[in-house]
Protein backbone atom coordinates (compact mmCIF):
# COMPACT_ATOMS: atom_id res chain seq x y z
CA MET A 1 -39.49 -88.64 -26.20
CA LYS A 2 -37.20 -86.31 -28.22
CA LYS A 3 -40.22 -84.23 -29.24
CA ILE A 4 -41.21 -83.73 -25.60
CA ILE A 5 -37.69 -82.60 -24.69
CA ILE A 6 -37.55 -80.20 -27.63
CA ILE A 7 -40.96 -78.73 -26.74
CA ALA A 8 -39.91 -78.38 -23.08
CA VAL A 9 -36.71 -76.55 -24.08
CA ILE A 10 -38.68 -74.17 -26.32
CA VAL A 11 -41.23 -73.45 -23.58
CA LEU A 12 -38.46 -72.79 -21.06
CA ALA A 13 -36.65 -70.49 -23.50
CA VAL A 14 -39.82 -68.46 -24.15
CA ALA A 15 -40.51 -68.26 -20.39
CA ALA A 16 -36.94 -67.08 -19.74
CA VAL A 17 -37.21 -64.34 -22.37
CA TYR A 18 -40.56 -63.19 -20.90
CA PHE A 19 -39.12 -63.13 -17.38
CA TRP A 20 -36.03 -61.21 -18.46
CA LYS A 21 -38.03 -58.64 -20.44
CA TYR A 22 -41.08 -58.10 -18.20
CA VAL A 23 -40.28 -59.35 -14.72
CA GLY A 24 -36.54 -58.92 -14.48
CA GLN A 25 -34.94 -56.51 -12.06
CA GLU A 26 -34.67 -53.69 -14.59
CA ALA A 27 -38.47 -53.39 -14.60
CA TYR A 28 -38.52 -51.97 -11.08
CA VAL A 29 -35.08 -50.85 -9.94
CA PRO A 30 -35.21 -47.26 -8.65
CA VAL A 31 -33.22 -44.76 -10.69
CA ASN A 32 -31.50 -43.09 -7.70
CA ASN A 33 -32.72 -44.51 -4.41
CA GLN A 34 -34.59 -47.40 -2.89
CA PRO A 35 -37.37 -46.67 -0.43
CA GLN A 36 -37.03 -48.53 2.82
CA ASN A 37 -40.09 -50.22 4.25
CA GLN A 38 -40.59 -48.00 7.26
CA ALA A 39 -43.34 -47.18 9.71
CA THR A 40 -44.15 -43.55 10.41
CA THR A 41 -45.31 -42.34 13.80
CA THR A 42 -48.02 -39.76 14.33
CA SER A 43 -45.44 -37.10 15.23
CA GLU A 44 -43.70 -37.60 11.87
CA THR A 45 -46.87 -37.23 9.81
CA GLN A 46 -46.97 -34.27 7.46
CA SER A 47 -49.92 -32.88 5.56
CA LEU A 48 -48.33 -33.60 2.17
CA SER A 49 -50.21 -36.33 0.32
CA ALA A 50 -50.83 -37.58 -3.20
CA ASN A 51 -53.02 -40.30 -4.70
CA ILE A 52 -52.53 -42.90 -7.38
CA GLU A 53 -55.52 -44.81 -8.71
CA ILE A 54 -55.13 -48.40 -9.89
CA LYS A 55 -57.68 -48.91 -12.63
CA GLY A 56 -57.69 -50.90 -15.85
CA TYR A 57 -54.47 -52.68 -14.81
CA ALA A 58 -52.60 -49.36 -14.78
CA PHE A 59 -51.25 -46.87 -12.24
CA ASN A 60 -52.82 -43.44 -12.81
CA PRO A 61 -50.89 -41.22 -13.00
CA GLN A 62 -48.06 -43.43 -14.20
CA VAL A 63 -45.46 -40.79 -13.28
CA LEU A 64 -46.03 -38.69 -10.16
CA THR A 65 -43.82 -35.84 -8.93
CA VAL A 66 -44.07 -34.99 -5.21
CA LYS A 67 -42.20 -33.05 -2.55
CA LYS A 68 -39.99 -34.78 0.03
CA GLY A 69 -42.11 -36.00 2.96
CA THR A 70 -45.20 -36.70 0.84
CA THR A 71 -47.31 -39.76 1.60
CA VAL A 72 -48.47 -41.45 -1.59
CA LYS A 73 -51.62 -43.54 -1.44
CA TRP A 74 -52.38 -46.21 -4.07
CA THR A 75 -56.09 -47.14 -4.21
CA ASN A 76 -57.25 -50.22 -6.11
CA GLN A 77 -60.33 -49.68 -8.29
CA ASP A 78 -59.88 -52.99 -10.18
CA GLN A 79 -61.57 -56.24 -9.25
CA ALA A 80 -58.14 -57.91 -9.42
CA ILE A 81 -55.76 -57.92 -6.46
CA HIS A 82 -52.67 -55.72 -6.83
CA ASP A 83 -49.56 -54.70 -4.89
CA VAL A 84 -46.79 -52.10 -5.16
CA LYS A 85 -43.32 -53.59 -5.65
CA PHE A 86 -40.06 -51.68 -5.36
CA SER A 87 -36.66 -53.36 -5.64
CA SER A 88 -36.24 -53.38 -1.85
CA PHE A 89 -39.75 -54.40 -0.72
CA THR A 90 -43.29 -55.20 -1.79
CA SER A 91 -46.49 -53.91 -0.20
CA PRO A 92 -49.10 -56.36 1.02
CA SER A 93 -51.60 -57.30 -1.71
CA PHE A 94 -54.86 -55.37 -1.64
CA GLY A 95 -58.18 -55.90 -3.38
CA GLN A 96 -60.82 -53.63 -4.86
CA GLY A 97 -61.37 -50.60 -2.64
CA GLY A 98 -58.19 -51.36 -0.69
CA SER A 99 -55.19 -49.09 -0.50
CA TYR A 100 -51.53 -48.86 0.45
CA GLU A 101 -49.63 -45.79 1.65
CA PHE A 102 -45.93 -44.97 1.71
CA ARG A 103 -44.16 -41.79 2.80
CA PHE A 104 -41.23 -40.68 0.63
CA ASP A 105 -38.58 -39.01 2.80
CA GLU A 106 -35.63 -39.13 0.38
CA VAL A 107 -35.19 -37.17 -2.84
CA GLY A 108 -34.88 -39.35 -5.93
CA ALA A 109 -36.76 -41.28 -8.59
CA TYR A 110 -38.45 -44.51 -7.54
CA GLU A 111 -39.63 -47.00 -10.15
CA TYR A 112 -42.13 -49.68 -9.17
CA ILE A 113 -44.37 -52.37 -10.63
CA CYS A 114 -47.30 -54.47 -9.56
CA GLY A 115 -45.59 -57.70 -8.48
CA LEU A 116 -48.69 -59.66 -9.51
CA HIS A 117 -48.98 -57.97 -12.93
CA PRO A 118 -45.42 -56.96 -13.96
CA LEU A 119 -46.54 -55.07 -17.06
CA MET A 120 -48.02 -52.45 -14.71
CA HIS A 121 -45.34 -49.92 -13.83
CA GLY A 122 -44.96 -46.42 -12.47
CA THR A 123 -42.47 -43.87 -11.18
CA ILE A 124 -42.49 -41.55 -8.17
CA ILE A 125 -40.17 -38.54 -8.50
CA VAL A 126 -39.39 -36.95 -5.13
CA GLU A 127 -38.11 -33.38 -5.16
CA PRO A 128 -36.71 -31.30 -2.26
C-alpha cells in the first residue's frame, strides 16, 4: 500500500511540474493586451488580412506582425484537431481544412497556444 501511495505522489508531482511549465498561464498570457472575443459586422470589415498555417503541430509563422484592424486567419493543415487559445478566450476546435478568424483592433502583443497541444505557441504583434 505504501508503494502505491509513493508512486501516486511521484506521478502527481511530475504532472504538476508539466502543467506549470507547459500549460500554465505564462504559456499564453498576452504581453500587453488581451483580445476580446468579439463579432465583427460587415460594415466594420477592412481589407487587411493575414494567414497562419497550422502544420506539423506548429503555427507558421510563429510570430506575425500586422497592422491594427487586420483579420488573422488560422488554417489547419494537420489531421489533428486544433484551436487558438488566448488568456481571455479560446476559439472553437477545428479539424483539417478548417479555419478560425479573429480581427485585431488593439495595438499590442498577443501570445497564444493551441489549448489541445500546449507546446504549440505563437505571437501576434499588432502595430498602429
